[in-house]
């Protein structure tokens, strides 16, 4: 083996004296990307709008309206997860949705409620929270069909 081949082979060998690096935080512990903050704010506002619309639709068109409202909520939560590719993308619209629904369920000081105590409203609350939890705790997003298999390129 010539000295040139030996030199090239040794330069490609992995370093064994490198200090170990600690892995960075992942998931919800990772700091949010500053470029995604406006997206998260938009998802929260959209979540509040879907919560408001869902509350009105499920009460007006029971039982079809309830299914439509739950499908819209689940679609928003899943869409946020796919759009941002993070768990936070599903949780942010769920928080906006939850705040809007709880504010509509709260009574006024006079004792009036926007909506009465109905089965549909309870199913909407429980179904929406269940959809949010399912979308936020998905193990992994599916890879797109046209993925080349090379990540980071």
C-alpha atoms as a PDB file:
ATOM      1  CA  UNK A   1       0.000   0.000   0.000  1.00  0.00           C
ATOM      2  CA  UNK A   2       1.428   3.361  -0.984  1.00  0.00           C
ATOM      3  CA  UNK A   3       1.777   6.225   1.473  1.00  0.00           C
ATOM      4  CA  UNK A   4      -0.861   8.200  -0.410  1.00  0.00           C
ATOM      5  CA  UNK A   5      -3.483   5.438  -0.003  1.00  0.00           C
ATOM      6  CA  UNK A   6      -2.567   5.008   3.664  1.00  0.00           C
ATOM      7  CA  UNK A   7      -2.949   8.753   4.262  1.00  0.00           C
ATOM      8  CA  UNK A   8      -6.353   8.853   2.556  1.00  0.00           C
ATOM      9  CA  UNK A   9      -7.599   5.818   4.486  1.00  0.00           C
ATOM     10  CA  UNK A  10      -6.530   7.243   7.827  1.00  0.00           C
ATOM     11  CA  UNK A  11      -8.206  10.611   7.173  1.00  0.00           C
ATOM     12  CA  UNK A  12     -11.556   8.899   6.695  1.00  0.00           C
ATOM     13  CA  UNK A  13     -11.359   6.922   9.905  1.00  0.00           C
ATOM     14  CA  UNK A  14     -13.777   8.026  12.657  1.00  0.00           C
ATOM     15  CA  UNK A  15     -12.377  10.045  15.522  1.00  0.00           C
ATOM     16  CA  UNK A  16     -12.263   8.090  18.731  1.00  0.00           C
ATOM     17  CA  UNK A  17     -11.002  10.858  20.999  1.00  0.00           C
ATOM     18  CA  UNK A  18     -13.962  13.194  20.430  1.00  0.00           C
ATOM     19  CA  UNK A  19     -15.855  14.151  23.601  1.00  0.00           C
ATOM     20  CA  UNK A  20     -19.391  12.799  23.795  1.00  0.00           C
ATOM     21  CA  UNK A  21     -22.148  15.275  23.049  1.00  0.00           C
ATOM     22  CA  UNK A  22     -25.350  15.327  25.013  1.00  0.00           C
ATOM     23  CA  UNK A  23     -28.451  15.140  22.823  1.00  0.00           C
ATOM     24  CA  UNK A  24     -30.518  18.289  22.566  1.00  0.00           C
ATOM     25  CA  UNK A  25     -34.056  18.475  23.911  1.00  0.00           C
ATOM     26  CA  UNK A  26     -36.797  17.075  21.703  1.00  0.00           C
ATOM     27  CA  UNK A  27     -40.585  17.177  21.633  1.00  0.00           C
ATOM     28  CA  UNK A  28     -42.261  19.719  23.883  1.00  0.00           C
ATOM     29  CA  UNK A  29     -38.990  20.356  25.775  1.00  0.00           C
ATOM     30  CA  UNK A  30     -37.312  21.763  22.647  1.00  0.00           C
ATOM     31  CA  UNK A  31     -37.446  25.539  22.291  1.00  0.00           C
ATOM     32  CA  UNK A  32     -39.913  26.668  19.619  1.00  0.00           C
ATOM     33  CA  UNK A  33     -38.527  27.797  16.308  1.00  0.00           C
ATOM     34  CA  UNK A  34     -38.941  31.620  16.142  1.00  0.00           C
ATOM     35  CA  UNK A  35     -40.116  31.378  12.534  1.00  0.00           C
ATOM     36  CA  UNK A  36     -43.029  29.161  13.629  1.00  0.00           C
ATOM     37  CA  UNK A  37     -44.398  31.479  16.328  1.00  0.00           C
ATOM     38  CA  UNK A  38     -46.705  33.405  13.918  1.00  0.00           C
ATOM     39  CA  UNK A  39     -47.920  30.036  12.630  1.00  0.00           C
ATOM     40  CA  UNK A  40     -48.703  28.903  16.178  1.00  0.00           C
ATOM     41  CA  UNK A  41     -50.588  32.150  16.880  1.00  0.00           C
ATOM     42  CA  UNK A  42     -52.610  31.648  13.696  1.00  0.00           C
ATOM     43  CA  UNK A  43     -53.377  28.052  14.673  1.00  0.00           C
ATOM     44  CA  UNK A  44     -54.584  29.210  18.110  1.00  0.00           C
ATOM     45  CA  UNK A  45     -56.918  31.786  16.545  1.00  0.00           C
ATOM     46  CA  UNK A  46     -58.159  29.208  14.050  1.00  0.00           C
ATOM     47  CA  UNK A  47     -58.733  26.779  16.927  1.00  0.00           C
ATOM     48  CA  UNK A  48     -60.855  29.378  18.726  1.00  0.00           C
ATOM     49  CA  UNK A  49     -62.871  30.008  15.544  1.00  0.00           C
ATOM     50  CA  UNK A  50     -63.459  26.275  15.010  1.00  0.00           C
ATOM     51  CA  UNK A  51     -64.484  25.927  18.654  1.00  0.00           C
ATOM     52  CA  UNK A  52     -66.979  28.778  18.340  1.00  0.00           C
ATOM     53  CA  UNK A  53     -68.400  27.502  15.053  1.00  0.00           C
ATOM     54  CA  UNK A  54     -68.484  23.917  16.308  1.00  0.00           C
ATOM     55  CA  UNK A  55     -70.375  24.899  19.428  1.00  0.00           C
ATOM     56  CA  UNK A  56     -73.011  26.689  17.353  1.00  0.00           C
ATOM     57  CA  UNK A  57     -73.289  23.992  14.664  1.00  0.00           C
ATOM     58  CA  UNK A  58     -73.532  21.045  17.045  1.00  0.00           C
ATOM     59  CA  UNK A  59     -76.381  22.716  18.913  1.00  0.00           C
ATOM     60  CA  UNK A  60     -78.277  23.693  15.764  1.00  0.00           C
ATOM     61  CA  UNK A  61     -78.037  20.476  13.747  1.00  0.00           C
ATOM     62  CA  UNK A  62     -77.911  17.617  16.237  1.00  0.00           C
ATOM     63  CA  UNK A  63     -76.650  14.808  15.572  1.00  0.00           C
ATOM     64  CA  UNK A  64     -75.194  15.623  12.136  1.00  0.00           C
ATOM     65  CA  UNK A  65     -73.869  18.961  13.358  1.00  0.00           C
ATOM     66  CA  UNK A  66     -72.080  17.230  16.224  1.00  0.00           C
ATOM     67  CA  UNK A  67     -70.299  14.889  13.817  1.00  0.00           C
ATOM     68  CA  UNK A  68     -69.428  17.802  11.524  1.00  0.00           C
ATOM     69  CA  UNK A  69     -68.059  19.867  14.425  1.00  0.00           C
ATOM     70  CA  UNK A  70     -65.985  16.959  15.734  1.00  0.00           C
ATOM     71  CA  UNK A  71     -64.619  16.228  12.255  1.00  0.00           C
ATOM     72  CA  UNK A  72     -63.642  19.888  11.805  1.00  0.00           C
ATOM     73  CA  UNK A  73     -61.929  19.958  15.200  1.00  0.00           C
ATOM     74  CA  UNK A  74     -60.040  16.725  14.592  1.00  0.00           C
ATOM     75  CA  UNK A  75     -59.048  17.915  11.117  1.00  0.00           C
ATOM     76  CA  UNK A  76     -57.656  21.149  12.521  1.00  0.00           C
ATOM     77  CA  UNK A  77     -55.658  19.370  15.224  1.00  0.00           C
ATOM     78  CA  UNK A  78     -54.247  16.820  12.785  1.00  0.00           C
ATOM     79  CA  UNK A  79     -53.577  19.508  10.183  1.00  0.00           C
ATOM     80  CA  UNK A  80     -51.626  21.558  12.710  1.00  0.00           C
ATOM     81  CA  UNK A  81     -49.590  18.484  13.603  1.00  0.00           C
ATOM     82  CA  UNK A  82     -48.784  17.733   9.946  1.00  0.00           C
ATOM     83  CA  UNK A  83     -48.122  21.369   9.044  1.00  0.00           C
ATOM     84  CA  UNK A  84     -45.594  21.988  11.804  1.00  0.00           C
ATOM     85  CA  UNK A  85     -44.418  18.362  12.189  1.00  0.00           C
ATOM     86  CA  UNK A  86     -44.404  18.871  15.984  1.00  0.00           C
ATOM     87  CA  UNK A  87     -46.664  17.937  18.876  1.00  0.00           C
ATOM     88  CA  UNK A  88     -47.043  21.612  19.632  1.00  0.00           C
ATOM     89  CA  UNK A  89     -48.724  22.005  16.255  1.00  0.00           C
ATOM     90  CA  UNK A  90     -51.637  19.890  17.513  1.00  0.00           C
ATOM     91  CA  UNK A  91     -51.717  21.322  21.022  1.00  0.00           C
ATOM     92  CA  UNK A  92     -51.834  25.020  20.116  1.00  0.00           C
ATOM     93  CA  UNK A  93     -55.119  24.881  18.141  1.00  0.00           C
ATOM     94  CA  UNK A  94     -56.518  22.577  20.828  1.00  0.00           C
ATOM     95  CA  UNK A  95     -55.814  25.214  23.484  1.00  0.00           C
ATOM     96  CA  UNK A  96     -57.534  27.896  21.402  1.00  0.00           C
ATOM     97  CA  UNK A  97     -60.467  25.537  20.808  1.00  0.00           C
ATOM     98  CA  UNK A  98     -60.724  24.656  24.496  1.00  0.00           C
ATOM     99  CA  UNK A  99     -60.640  28.284  25.664  1.00  0.00           C
ATOM    100  CA  UNK A 100     -63.388  29.285  23.215  1.00  0.00           C
ATOM    101  CA  UNK A 101     -65.624  26.367  24.183  1.00  0.00           C
ATOM    102  CA  UNK A 102     -65.153  26.887  27.929  1.00  0.00           C
ATOM    103  CA  UNK A 103     -65.882  30.616  27.615  1.00  0.00           C
ATOM    104  CA  UNK A 104     -69.095  29.814  25.765  1.00  0.00           C
ATOM    105  CA  UNK A 105     -70.075  27.262  28.393  1.00  0.00           C
ATOM    106  CA  UNK A 106     -69.488  29.645  31.289  1.00  0.00           C
ATOM    107  CA  UNK A 107     -72.509  31.440  32.586  1.00  0.00           C
ATOM    108  CA  UNK A 108     -73.045  35.132  32.950  1.00  0.00           C
ATOM    109  CA  UNK A 109     -73.269  36.772  36.384  1.00  0.00           C
ATOM    110  CA  UNK A 110     -77.054  36.918  35.979  1.00  0.00           C
ATOM    111  CA  UNK A 111     -77.158  33.124  35.803  1.00  0.00           C
ATOM    112  CA  UNK A 112     -77.844  32.830  32.068  1.00  0.00           C
ATOM    113  CA  UNK A 113     -75.974  30.358  29.884  1.00  0.00           C
ATOM    114  CA  UNK A 114     -75.228  30.639  26.198  1.00  0.00           C
ATOM    115  CA  UNK A 115     -76.113  26.947  25.840  1.00  0.00           C
ATOM    116  CA  UNK A 116     -78.177  24.708  28.049  1.00  0.00           C
ATOM    117  CA  UNK A 117     -76.924  21.512  29.627  1.00  0.00           C
ATOM    118  CA  UNK A 118     -77.342  19.124  26.706  1.00  0.00           C
ATOM    119  CA  UNK A 119     -75.905  15.767  25.812  1.00  0.00           C
ATOM    120  CA  UNK A 120     -74.549  17.091  22.506  1.00  0.00           C
ATOM    121  CA  UNK A 121     -72.465  19.759  24.200  1.00  0.00           C
ATOM    122  CA  UNK A 122     -70.928  17.245  26.589  1.00  0.00           C
ATOM    123  CA  UNK A 123     -70.160  14.914  23.680  1.00  0.00           C
ATOM    124  CA  UNK A 124     -68.625  17.815  21.758  1.00  0.00           C
ATOM    125  CA  UNK A 125     -66.370  18.709  24.706  1.00  0.00           C
ATOM    126  CA  UNK A 126     -65.283  15.140  25.373  1.00  0.00           C
ATOM    127  CA  UNK A 127     -64.906  14.239  21.697  1.00  0.00           C
ATOM    128  CA  UNK A 128     -62.890  17.369  20.932  1.00  0.00           C
ATOM    129  CA  UNK A 129     -60.574  16.834  23.874  1.00  0.00           C
ATOM    130  CA  UNK A 130     -60.136  13.188  22.883  1.00  0.00           C
ATOM    131  CA  UNK A 131     -59.283  14.174  19.314  1.00  0.00           C
ATOM    132  CA  UNK A 132     -56.756  16.729  20.570  1.00  0.00           C
ATOM    133  CA  UNK A 133     -55.061  14.170  22.799  1.00  0.00           C
ATOM    134  CA  UNK A 134     -54.929  11.587  20.010  1.00  0.00           C
ATOM    135  CA  UNK A 135     -53.427  14.026  17.516  1.00  0.00           C
ATOM    136  CA  UNK A 136     -50.891  15.376  20.021  1.00  0.00           C
ATOM    137  CA  UNK A 137     -49.692  11.961  21.177  1.00  0.00           C
ATOM    138  CA  UNK A 138     -49.323  10.300  17.788  1.00  0.00           C
ATOM    139  CA  UNK A 139     -46.093   8.362  17.782  1.00  0.00           C
ATOM    140  CA  UNK A 140     -44.839   9.455  14.382  1.00  0.00           C
ATOM    141  CA  UNK A 141     -46.125  11.181  11.298  1.00  0.00           C
ATOM    142  CA  UNK A 142     -46.244   9.129   8.109  1.00  0.00           C
ATOM    143  CA  UNK A 143     -43.576   9.972   5.560  1.00  0.00           C
ATOM    144  CA  UNK A 144     -44.796  11.433   2.275  1.00  0.00           C
ATOM    145  CA  UNK A 145     -45.078   9.038  -0.650  1.00  0.00           C
ATOM    146  CA  UNK A 146     -42.548  10.945  -2.744  1.00  0.00           C
ATOM    147  CA  UNK A 147     -39.891  10.869  -0.020  1.00  0.00           C
ATOM    148  CA  UNK A 148     -36.450   9.934  -1.339  1.00  0.00           C
ATOM    149  CA  UNK A 149     -35.455   8.265   1.903  1.00  0.00           C
ATOM    150  CA  UNK A 150     -32.696  10.805   2.518  1.00  0.00           C
ATOM    151  CA  UNK A 151     -33.491  12.962   5.516  1.00  0.00           C
ATOM    152  CA  UNK A 152     -31.968  16.370   5.976  1.00  0.00           C
ATOM    153  CA  UNK A 153     -31.560  17.151   2.299  1.00  0.00           C
END
